Amino acid sequence: MKITIASLMEMKAAGEKIAMVTAYDTPTAKLLDAAGVDTILVGDSIGNAVLGYKDTLPVTMEVMLHHTAAVVRGVESALVIFDMPFMSYQVSVEEGVRNAGRAIKETGANMVKLEGGGKYAEVARAITECGIPVCGHIGLTPQSVNLIGYKVQGKQYEKARQILNDALALQAAGASMIVLECVPWKLAKLITERLDILTIGIGAGPYCDGQVLVFHDMMALSDKKSPKFVKTFAQAGKLMQRGVKQYVKEVKASDYPGAEHSFVIEDAIIEKLSGKKGGRRK
């Protein structure tokens, strides 16, 4: 059964936590969907998780459209969220609405995500009024890395109050969900209690309505040091490396491919092609 905003809200009401993971391609999306993930975020984190950039800023609408469509093709149940990349909605409300429309029409995604708080409430409201569900993203916002860096947000009163006000403003603008990144757990708990809409935490403690992690972090697919809030759920990177090393070893030793991996042809055909058995070469 396809998961919707309504069914996620039912989970919240029942006290059932929501599991969200990032994906950027069809095979990963199929894996996550089959594993029971409730919602898949096609994050602009593709920039540093997959494409080799130092941050998310170079990621474009074209990149996000391409990869989100691939994810949607691999999903049957999970709700898919399109992460609006840097400068796809900041210039004007009209441009934000246009790009959100492209995100839904051209990929089949179910929701769009915007970084930033109350200052983007107007664009969030306009997108919602077009019938497109919106997920906000406050606290540490990676698209603002050059302004705020990568550090916990909201530890002081004024900043904590701003994050709370941002959450309330996004809810008032019609957002259905908010990601809280790298904020103190007590602040995330307070926000979750104050909001009627869904909260998803990443480095925000256990009291949000759900959690999200980057797939490549939780599966240890990167050799980079993971943030404090990441738990490694499988050493997939090491397992894959061992598999590739074994492949290299067998190729170099001529152990692979074996007969069981090869296709056959009738000897008579080869003899005819090679001109053997008295046949004259052409």
C-alpha atoms as a PDB file:
ATOM      1  CA  MET A   1       0.000   0.000   0.000  1.00  0.00           C
ATOM      2  CA  LYS A   2       1.323   3.457  -0.905  1.00  0.00           C
ATOM      3  CA  ILE A   3       2.288   5.571   2.075  1.00  0.00           C
ATOM      4  CA  THR A   4       0.808   9.068   2.095  1.00  0.00           C
ATOM      5  CA  ILE A   5       0.954  12.164   4.282  1.00  0.00           C
ATOM      6  CA  ALA A   6      -2.345  11.018   5.799  1.00  0.00           C
ATOM      7  CA  SER A   7      -0.983   7.590   6.712  1.00  0.00           C
ATOM      8  CA  LEU A   8       2.143   9.178   8.206  1.00  0.00           C
ATOM      9  CA  MET A   9      -0.091  11.397  10.333  1.00  0.00           C
ATOM     10  CA  GLU A  10      -1.933   8.273  11.484  1.00  0.00           C
ATOM     11  CA  MET A  11       1.422   6.813  12.520  1.00  0.00           C
ATOM     12  CA  LYS A  12       2.160   9.978  14.509  1.00  0.00           C
ATOM     13  CA  ALA A  13      -1.218   9.795  16.238  1.00  0.00           C
ATOM     14  CA  ALA A  14      -0.584   6.149  17.126  1.00  0.00           C
ATOM     15  CA  GLY A  15       2.894   6.872  18.434  1.00  0.00           C
ATOM     16  CA  GLU A  16       4.571   4.841  15.694  1.00  0.00           C
ATOM     17  CA  LYS A  17       7.933   6.252  14.629  1.00  0.00           C
ATOM     18  CA  ILE A  18       8.622   7.092  10.985  1.00  0.00           C
ATOM     19  CA  ALA A  19      11.753   5.723   9.295  1.00  0.00           C
ATOM     20  CA  MET A  20      13.270   7.846   6.516  1.00  0.00           C
ATOM     21  CA  VAL A  21      16.486   7.152   4.573  1.00  0.00           C
ATOM     22  CA  THR A  22      18.093   8.879   1.590  1.00  0.00           C
ATOM     23  CA  ALA A  23      18.408   7.222  -1.817  1.00  0.00           C
ATOM     24  CA  TYR A  24      19.693   8.442  -5.175  1.00  0.00           C
ATOM     25  CA  ASP A  25      19.136   5.502  -7.552  1.00  0.00           C
ATOM     26  CA  THR A  26      16.719   2.710  -8.416  1.00  0.00           C
ATOM     27  CA  PRO A  27      18.532  -0.263  -6.798  1.00  0.00           C
ATOM     28  CA  THR A  28      18.894   1.533  -3.458  1.00  0.00           C
ATOM     29  CA  ALA A  29      15.276   2.680  -3.589  1.00  0.00           C
ATOM     30  CA  LYS A  30      14.116  -0.905  -4.176  1.00  0.00           C
ATOM     31  CA  LEU A  31      16.248  -2.116  -1.263  1.00  0.00           C
ATOM     32  CA  LEU A  32      14.887   0.526   1.118  1.00  0.00           C
ATOM     33  CA  ASP A  33      11.297   0.025   0.000  1.00  0.00           C
ATOM     34  CA  ALA A  34      11.520  -3.740   0.477  1.00  0.00           C
ATOM     35  CA  ALA A  35      13.078  -3.211   3.928  1.00  0.00           C
ATOM     36  CA  GLY A  36      10.028  -1.256   5.074  1.00  0.00           C
ATOM     37  CA  VAL A  37      11.310   2.332   5.037  1.00  0.00           C
ATOM     38  CA  ASP A  38       8.324   4.676   5.288  1.00  0.00           C
ATOM     39  CA  THR A  39       9.676   7.571   3.278  1.00  0.00           C
ATOM     40  CA  ILE A  40      12.695   8.101   1.033  1.00  0.00           C
ATOM     41  CA  LEU A  41      14.410  11.459   0.771  1.00  0.00           C
ATOM     42  CA  VAL A  42      16.229  12.104  -2.485  1.00  0.00           C
ATOM     43  CA  GLY A  43      18.515  14.578  -0.800  1.00  0.00           C
ATOM     44  CA  ASP A  44      20.804  17.180  -2.266  1.00  0.00           C
ATOM     45  CA  SER A  45      23.257  15.293  -0.039  1.00  0.00           C
ATOM     46  CA  ILE A  46      23.892  13.442  -3.288  1.00  0.00           C
ATOM     47  CA  GLY A  47      26.465  16.193  -3.809  1.00  0.00           C
ATOM     48  CA  ASN A  48      28.844  15.026  -1.101  1.00  0.00           C
ATOM     49  CA  ALA A  49      27.580  11.440  -0.663  1.00  0.00           C
ATOM     50  CA  VAL A  50      27.801  10.386  -4.322  1.00  0.00           C
ATOM     51  CA  LEU A  51      29.124  13.082  -6.659  1.00  0.00           C
ATOM     52  CA  GLY A  52      32.327  13.976  -4.829  1.00  0.00           C
ATOM     53  CA  TYR A  53      31.548  17.615  -3.990  1.00  0.00           C
ATOM     54  CA  LYS A  54      32.596  19.031  -0.631  1.00  0.00           C
ATOM     55  CA  ASP A  55      29.049  20.232   0.057  1.00  0.00           C
ATOM     56  CA  THR A  56      25.540  20.325  -1.456  1.00  0.00           C
ATOM     57  CA  LEU A  57      25.784  23.728  -3.148  1.00  0.00           C
ATOM     58  CA  PRO A  58      26.766  22.592  -6.690  1.00  0.00           C
ATOM     59  CA  VAL A  59      23.740  20.280  -7.005  1.00  0.00           C
ATOM     60  CA  THR A  60      21.288  21.472  -9.691  1.00  0.00           C
ATOM     61  CA  MET A  61      17.622  20.946 -10.491  1.00  0.00           C
ATOM     62  CA  GLU A  62      18.650  18.750 -13.428  1.00  0.00           C
ATOM     63  CA  VAL A  63      20.667  16.476 -11.139  1.00  0.00           C
ATOM     64  CA  MET A  64      17.793  16.218  -8.677  1.00  0.00           C
ATOM     65  CA  LEU A  65      15.214  15.583 -11.395  1.00  0.00           C
ATOM     66  CA  HIS A  66      17.348  12.818 -12.906  1.00  0.00           C
ATOM     67  CA  HIS A  67      18.010  10.994  -9.646  1.00  0.00           C
ATOM     68  CA  THR A  68      14.567  11.453  -8.109  1.00  0.00           C
ATOM     69  CA  ALA A  69      12.924   9.928 -11.186  1.00  0.00           C
ATOM     70  CA  ALA A  70      15.278   6.955 -10.810  1.00  0.00           C
ATOM     71  CA  VAL A  71      14.277   6.540  -7.162  1.00  0.00           C
ATOM     72  CA  VAL A  72      10.565   6.753  -7.941  1.00  0.00           C
ATOM     73  CA  ARG A  73      10.962   3.960 -10.503  1.00  0.00           C
ATOM     74  CA  GLY A  74      12.221   1.704  -7.719  1.00  0.00           C
ATOM     75  CA  VAL A  75       9.488   2.427  -5.169  1.00  0.00           C
ATOM     76  CA  GLU A  76       6.114   0.811  -4.596  1.00  0.00           C
ATOM     77  CA  SER A  77       5.186   1.870  -1.056  1.00  0.00           C
ATOM     78  CA  ALA A  78       7.449   4.566   0.396  1.00  0.00           C
ATOM     79  CA  LEU A  79       6.603   8.263   0.123  1.00  0.00           C
ATOM     80  CA  VAL A  80       9.305   9.975  -1.971  1.00  0.00           C
ATOM     81  CA  ILE A  81      10.551  13.475  -1.134  1.00  0.00           C
ATOM     82  CA  PHE A  82      12.336  15.722  -3.655  1.00  0.00           C
ATOM     83  CA  ASP A  83      14.949  17.935  -2.020  1.00  0.00           C
ATOM     84  CA  MET A  84      14.884  21.360  -3.667  1.00  0.00           C
ATOM     85  CA  PRO A  85      18.524  22.287  -4.397  1.00  0.00           C
ATOM     86  CA  PHE A  86      20.311  25.535  -3.636  1.00  0.00           C
ATOM     87  CA  MET A  87      18.868  28.536  -5.514  1.00  0.00           C
ATOM     88  CA  SER A  88      15.887  26.626  -6.893  1.00  0.00           C
ATOM     89  CA  TYR A  89      13.438  28.545  -4.658  1.00  0.00           C
ATOM     90  CA  GLN A  90      15.384  31.369  -2.988  1.00  0.00           C
ATOM     91  CA  VAL A  91      15.170  33.895  -5.844  1.00  0.00           C
ATOM     92  CA  SER A  92      11.396  34.318  -5.915  1.00  0.00           C
ATOM     93  CA  VAL A  93       8.131  32.681  -4.944  1.00  0.00           C
ATOM     94  CA  GLU A  94       7.275  32.211  -8.612  1.00  0.00           C
ATOM     95  CA  GLU A  95      10.503  30.392  -9.356  1.00  0.00           C
ATOM     96  CA  GLY A  96      10.061  28.231  -6.265  1.00  0.00           C
ATOM     97  CA  VAL A  97       6.571  27.215  -7.340  1.00  0.00           C
ATOM     98  CA  ARG A  98       7.738  26.526 -10.900  1.00  0.00           C
ATOM     99  CA  ASN A  99      10.590  24.301  -9.756  1.00  0.00           C
ATOM    100  CA  ALA A 100       8.413  22.492  -7.216  1.00  0.00           C
ATOM    101  CA  GLY A 101       5.952  21.816 -10.024  1.00  0.00           C
ATOM    102  CA  ARG A 102       8.739  20.373 -12.170  1.00  0.00           C
ATOM    103  CA  ALA A 103       9.839  18.206  -9.263  1.00  0.00           C
ATOM    104  CA  ILE A 104       6.444  16.585  -8.969  1.00  0.00           C
ATOM    105  CA  LYS A 105       5.509  16.450 -12.677  1.00  0.00           C
ATOM    106  CA  GLU A 106       8.837  15.226 -14.043  1.00  0.00           C
ATOM    107  CA  THR A 107       9.763  12.694 -11.356  1.00  0.00           C
ATOM    108  CA  GLY A 108       6.583  11.404  -9.735  1.00  0.00           C
ATOM    109  CA  ALA A 109       7.786  12.435  -6.260  1.00  0.00           C
ATOM    110  CA  ASN A 110       5.155  12.977  -3.558  1.00  0.00           C
ATOM    111  CA  MET A 111       6.578  15.977  -1.688  1.00  0.00           C
ATOM    112  CA  VAL A 112       9.253  18.670  -1.890  1.00  0.00           C
ATOM    113  CA  LYS A 113      11.641  19.791   0.850  1.00  0.00           C
ATOM    114  CA  LEU A 114      12.859  23.351   1.418  1.00  0.00           C
ATOM    115  CA  GLU A 115      15.705  24.426   3.685  1.00  0.00           C
ATOM    116  CA  GLY A 116      15.159  27.493   5.808  1.00  0.00           C
ATOM    117  CA  GLY A 117      12.541  28.740   8.217  1.00  0.00           C
ATOM    118  CA  GLY A 118      10.103  31.617   8.382  1.00  0.00           C
ATOM    119  CA  LYS A 119      11.765  33.604   5.600  1.00  0.00           C
ATOM    120  CA  TYR A 120      10.623  30.904   3.178  1.00  0.00           C
ATOM    121  CA  ALA A 121       7.119  30.589   4.618  1.00  0.00           C
ATOM    122  CA  GLU A 122       5.669  32.530   1.672  1.00  0.00           C
ATOM    123  CA  VAL A 123       7.113  30.164  -0.918  1.00  0.00           C
ATOM    124  CA  ALA A 124       6.085  27.173   1.202  1.00  0.00           C
ATOM    125  CA  ARG A 125       2.534  28.502   1.319  1.00  0.00           C
ATOM    126  CA  ALA A 126       2.430  29.129  -2.432  1.00  0.00           C
ATOM    127  CA  ILE A 127       3.720  25.628  -3.220  1.00  0.00           C
ATOM    128  CA  THR A 128       1.219  24.078  -0.825  1.00  0.00           C
ATOM    129  CA  GLU A 129      -1.632  26.046  -2.374  1.00  0.00           C
ATOM    130  CA  CYS A 130      -0.738  24.413  -5.697  1.00  0.00           C
ATOM    131  CA  GLY A 131      -1.436  21.043  -4.120  1.00  0.00           C
ATOM    132  CA  ILE A 132       2.178  20.056  -3.492  1.00  0.00           C
ATOM    133  CA  PRO A 133       3.032  18.873   0.046  1.00  0.00           C
ATOM    134  CA  VAL A 134       5.990  20.679   1.620  1.00  0.00           C
ATOM    135  CA  CYS A 135       8.603  19.470   4.095  1.00  0.00           C
ATOM    136  CA  GLY A 136      10.557  22.204   5.851  1.00  0.00           C
ATOM    137  CA  HIS A 137      14.156  21.864   7.088  1.00  0.00           C
ATOM    138  CA  ILE A 138      15.477  23.924   9.986  1.00  0.00           C
ATOM    139  CA  GLY A 139      18.354  23.908  12.448  1.00  0.00           C
ATOM    140  CA  LEU A 140      21.543  23.067  10.598  1.00  0.00           C
ATOM    141  CA  THR A 141      20.772  23.803   6.953  1.00  0.00           C
ATOM    142  CA  PRO A 142      23.616  22.544   4.716  1.00  0.00           C
ATOM    143  CA  GLN A 143      22.781  24.988   1.910  1.00  0.00           C
ATOM    144  CA  SER A 144      23.801  27.749   4.344  1.00  0.00           C
ATOM    145  CA  VAL A 145      27.143  26.124   5.170  1.00  0.00           C
ATOM    146  CA  ASN A 146      29.114  29.217   4.179  1.00  0.00           C
ATOM    147  CA  LEU A 147      27.104  31.262   6.659  1.00  0.00           C
ATOM    148  CA  ILE A 148      26.618  28.933   9.646  1.00  0.00           C
ATOM    149  CA  GLY A 149      29.084  26.072   9.118  1.00  0.00           C
ATOM    150  CA  TYR A 150      28.475  22.487  10.225  1.00  0.00           C
ATOM    151  CA  LYS A 151      27.649  22.744  13.915  1.00  0.00           C
ATOM    152  CA  VAL A 152      24.788  22.246  16.343  1.00  0.00           C
ATOM    153  CA  GLN A 153      22.170  24.987  16.121  1.00  0.00           C
ATOM    154  CA  GLY A 154      19.910  26.372  18.843  1.00  0.00           C
ATOM    155  CA  LYS A 155      22.039  25.951  21.962  1.00  0.00           C
ATOM    156  CA  GLN A 156      21.540  29.604  22.979  1.00  0.00           C
ATOM    157  CA  TYR A 157      18.168  31.132  23.848  1.00  0.00           C
ATOM    158  CA  GLU A 158      17.808  33.533  20.918  1.00  0.00           C
ATOM    159  CA  LYS A 159      18.719  30.925  18.319  1.00  0.00           C
ATOM    160  CA  ALA A 160      16.533  28.287  19.993  1.00  0.00           C
ATOM    161  CA  ARG A 161      13.594  30.700  19.969  1.00  0.00           C
ATOM    162  CA  GLN A 162      14.219  31.435  16.293  1.00  0.00           C
ATOM    163  CA  ILE A 163      14.179  27.735  15.415  1.00  0.00           C
ATOM    164  CA  LEU A 164      10.920  27.260  17.327  1.00  0.00           C
ATOM    165  CA  ASN A 165       9.397  30.278  15.582  1.00  0.00           C
ATOM    166  CA  ASP A 166      10.601  28.960  12.217  1.00  0.00           C
ATOM    167  CA  ALA A 167       8.855  25.653  12.877  1.00  0.00           C
ATOM    168  CA  LEU A 168       5.613  27.392  13.814  1.00  0.00           C
ATOM    169  CA  ALA A 169       5.830  29.667  10.759  1.00  0.00           C
ATOM    170  CA  LEU A 170       6.295  26.731   8.400  1.00  0.00           C
ATOM    171  CA  GLN A 171       3.353  24.913   9.968  1.00  0.00           C
ATOM    172  CA  ALA A 172       1.202  28.036   9.592  1.00  0.00           C
ATOM    173  CA  ALA A 173       2.270  28.222   5.930  1.00  0.00           C
ATOM    174  CA  GLY A 174       0.893  24.731   5.301  1.00  0.00           C
ATOM    175  CA  ALA A 175       3.980  22.529   5.591  1.00  0.00           C
ATOM    176  CA  SER A 176       3.164  18.903   6.416  1.00  0.00           C
ATOM    177  CA  MET A 177       6.552  17.898   7.806  1.00  0.00           C
ATOM    178  CA  ILE A 178       9.729  19.475   9.168  1.00  0.00           C
ATOM    179  CA  VAL A 179      13.247  18.066   9.341  1.00  0.00           C
ATOM    180  CA  LEU A 180      15.142  19.150  12.457  1.00  0.00           C
ATOM    181  CA  GLU A 181      18.888  18.816  11.924  1.00  0.00           C
ATOM    182  CA  CYS A 182      21.567  19.083  14.601  1.00  0.00           C
ATOM    183  CA  VAL A 183      19.525  20.722  17.338  1.00  0.00           C
ATOM    184  CA  PRO A 184      19.554  19.850  21.063  1.00  0.00           C
ATOM    185  CA  TRP A 185      17.175  17.006  21.838  1.00  0.00           C
ATOM    186  CA  LYS A 186      15.166  18.992  24.392  1.00  0.00           C
ATOM    187  CA  LEU A 187      14.512  21.689  21.806  1.00  0.00           C
ATOM    188  CA  ALA A 188      13.475  19.074  19.235  1.00  0.00           C
ATOM    189  CA  LYS A 189      11.165  17.520  21.834  1.00  0.00           C
ATOM    190  CA  LEU A 190       9.577  20.898  22.593  1.00  0.00           C
ATOM    191  CA  ILE A 191       9.046  21.625  18.893  1.00  0.00           C
ATOM    192  CA  THR A 192       7.515  18.186  18.322  1.00  0.00           C
ATOM    193  CA  GLU A 193       5.122  18.750  21.220  1.00  0.00           C
ATOM    194  CA  ARG A 194       4.164  22.224  19.956  1.00  0.00           C
ATOM    195  CA  LEU A 195       3.499  21.168  16.354  1.00  0.00           C
ATOM    196  CA  ASP A 196       0.599  19.260  14.894  1.00  0.00           C
ATOM    197  CA  ILE A 197       2.607  18.319  11.794  1.00  0.00           C
ATOM    198  CA  LEU A 198       5.350  15.693  11.499  1.00  0.00           C
ATOM    199  CA  THR A 199       8.900  16.207  12.768  1.00  0.00           C
ATOM    200  CA  ILE A 200      11.815  14.166  11.447  1.00  0.00           C
ATOM    201  CA  GLY A 201      15.099  14.307  13.315  1.00  0.00           C
ATOM    202  CA  ILE A 202      18.677  13.982  12.173  1.00  0.00           C
ATOM    203  CA  GLY A 203      20.973  14.658  15.088  1.00  0.00           C
ATOM    204  CA  ALA A 204      17.940  15.910  17.035  1.00  0.00           C
ATOM    205  CA  GLY A 205      17.428  13.162  19.597  1.00  0.00           C
ATOM    206  CA  PRO A 206      14.772  10.451  20.021  1.00  0.00           C
ATOM    207  CA  TYR A 207      11.620  12.493  20.564  1.00  0.00           C
ATOM    208  CA  CYS A 208      10.845  13.534  16.975  1.00  0.00           C
ATOM    209  CA  ASP A 209       8.089  11.702  15.112  1.00  0.00           C
ATOM    210  CA  GLY A 210      10.718   9.990  12.974  1.00  0.00           C
ATOM    211  CA  GLN A 211      14.368   9.821  12.006  1.00  0.00           C
ATOM    212  CA  VAL A 212      16.354  10.236   8.782  1.00  0.00           C
ATOM    213  CA  LEU A 213      19.901   9.214   7.916  1.00  0.00           C
ATOM    214  CA  VAL A 214      22.004   9.364   4.777  1.00  0.00           C
ATOM    215  CA  PHE A 215      22.206   5.819   3.381  1.00  0.00           C
ATOM    216  CA  HIS A 216      25.916   6.040   2.647  1.00  0.00           C
ATOM    217  CA  ASP A 217      26.639   7.107   6.239  1.00  0.00           C
ATOM    218  CA  MET A 218      24.577   4.449   8.002  1.00  0.00           C
ATOM    219  CA  MET A 219      26.000   1.710   5.749  1.00  0.00           C
ATOM    220  CA  ALA A 220      29.619   2.912   6.089  1.00  0.00           C
ATOM    221  CA  LEU A 221      30.043   3.339   2.339  1.00  0.00           C
ATOM    222  CA  SER A 222      32.320   6.344   2.803  1.00  0.00           C
ATOM    223  CA  ASP A 223      35.779   6.576   4.330  1.00  0.00           C
ATOM    224  CA  LYS A 224      34.933  10.016   5.704  1.00  0.00           C
ATOM    225  CA  LYS A 225      34.328  10.470   9.419  1.00  0.00           C
ATOM    226  CA  SER A 226      30.608  10.384  10.148  1.00  0.00           C
ATOM    227  CA  PRO A 227      28.865  12.991  12.320  1.00  0.00           C
ATOM    228  CA  LYS A 228      28.224  12.147  15.980  1.00  0.00           C
ATOM    229  CA  PHE A 229      24.560  11.387  15.379  1.00  0.00           C
ATOM    230  CA  VAL A 230      25.211   8.661  12.765  1.00  0.00           C
ATOM    231  CA  LYS A 231      25.058   5.022  13.815  1.00  0.00           C
ATOM    232  CA  THR A 232      26.663   2.454  11.525  1.00  0.00           C
ATOM    233  CA  PHE A 233      24.059  -0.250  10.906  1.00  0.00           C
ATOM    234  CA  ALA A 234      26.192  -2.360   8.551  1.00  0.00           C
ATOM    235  CA  GLN A 235      29.787  -2.337   7.327  1.00  0.00           C
ATOM    236  CA  ALA A 236      28.616  -2.538   3.729  1.00  0.00           C
ATOM    237  CA  GLY A 237      31.631  -0.670   2.389  1.00  0.00           C
ATOM    238  CA  LYS A 238      34.104  -3.204   3.790  1.00  0.00           C
ATOM    239  CA  LEU A 239      31.971  -6.102   2.571  1.00  0.00           C
ATOM    240  CA  MET A 240      31.851  -4.657  -0.945  1.00  0.00           C
ATOM    241  CA  GLN A 241      35.589  -3.993  -0.943  1.00  0.00           C
ATOM    242  CA  ARG A 242      36.281  -7.603   0.070  1.00  0.00           C
ATOM    243  CA  GLY A 243      34.098  -8.788  -2.781  1.00  0.00           C
ATOM    244  CA  VAL A 244      35.920  -6.643  -5.327  1.00  0.00           C
ATOM    245  CA  LYS A 245      39.327  -7.767  -4.009  1.00  0.00           C
ATOM    246  CA  GLN A 246      38.264 -11.396  -4.450  1.00  0.00           C
ATOM    247  CA  TYR A 247      37.112 -10.623  -7.997  1.00  0.00           C
ATOM    248  CA  VAL A 248      40.480  -9.036  -8.853  1.00  0.00           C
ATOM    249  CA  LYS A 249      42.322 -12.017  -7.367  1.00  0.00           C
ATOM    250  CA  GLU A 250      40.312 -14.552  -9.378  1.00  0.00           C
ATOM    251  CA  VAL A 251      40.591 -12.632 -12.651  1.00  0.00           C
ATOM    252  CA  LYS A 252      44.361 -12.353 -12.328  1.00  0.00           C
ATOM    253  CA  ALA A 253      44.646 -16.049 -11.464  1.00  0.00           C
ATOM    254  CA  SER A 254      42.392 -17.011 -14.418  1.00  0.00           C
ATOM    255  CA  ASP A 255      39.982 -18.627 -11.948  1.00  0.00           C
ATOM    256  CA  TYR A 256      37.144 -16.441 -13.171  1.00  0.00           C
ATOM    257  CA  PRO A 257      35.251 -16.868 -15.372  1.00  0.00           C
ATOM    258  CA  GLY A 258      34.911 -20.643 -15.147  1.00  0.00           C
ATOM    259  CA  ALA A 259      32.999 -23.030 -17.363  1.00  0.00           C
ATOM    260  CA  GLU A 260      29.824 -22.379 -15.379  1.00  0.00           C
ATOM    261  CA  HIS A 261      30.011 -18.672 -16.322  1.00  0.00           C
ATOM    262  CA  SER A 262      30.686 -19.241 -20.036  1.00  0.00           C
ATOM    263  CA  PHE A 263      28.545 -19.899 -23.114  1.00  0.00           C
ATOM    264  CA  VAL A 264      29.142 -22.701 -25.629  1.00  0.00           C
ATOM    265  CA  ILE A 265      29.047 -23.042 -29.387  1.00  0.00           C
ATOM    266  CA  GLU A 266      29.168 -26.189 -31.524  1.00  0.00           C
ATOM    267  CA  ASP A 267      32.702 -27.324 -32.358  1.00  0.00           C
ATOM    268  CA  ALA A 268      31.735 -27.753 -36.014  1.00  0.00           C
ATOM    269  CA  ILE A 269      31.008 -24.053 -36.295  1.00  0.00           C
ATOM    270  CA  ILE A 270      34.375 -23.118 -34.818  1.00  0.00           C
ATOM    271  CA  GLU A 271      36.120 -25.609 -37.110  1.00  0.00           C
ATOM    272  CA  LYS A 272      34.380 -24.104 -40.097  1.00  0.00           C
ATOM    273  CA  LEU A 273      35.284 -20.566 -39.016  1.00  0.00           C
ATOM    274  CA  SER A 274      38.912 -21.486 -38.358  1.00  0.00           C
ATOM    275  CA  GLY A 275      39.328 -23.426 -41.630  1.00  0.00           C
ATOM    276  CA  LYS A 276      40.372 -26.640 -39.933  1.00  0.00           C
ATOM    277  CA  LYS A 277      39.665 -30.213 -41.132  1.00  0.00           C
ATOM    278  CA  GLY A 278      40.965 -29.523 -44.617  1.00  0.00           C
ATOM    279  CA  GLY A 279      38.808 -26.501 -45.107  1.00  0.00           C
ATOM    280  CA  ARG A 280      40.391 -23.715 -47.140  1.00  0.00           C
ATOM    281  CA  ARG A 281      40.739 -20.314 -45.501  1.00  0.00           C
ATOM    282  CA  LYS A 282      38.873 -17.576 -47.296  1.00  0.00           C
END
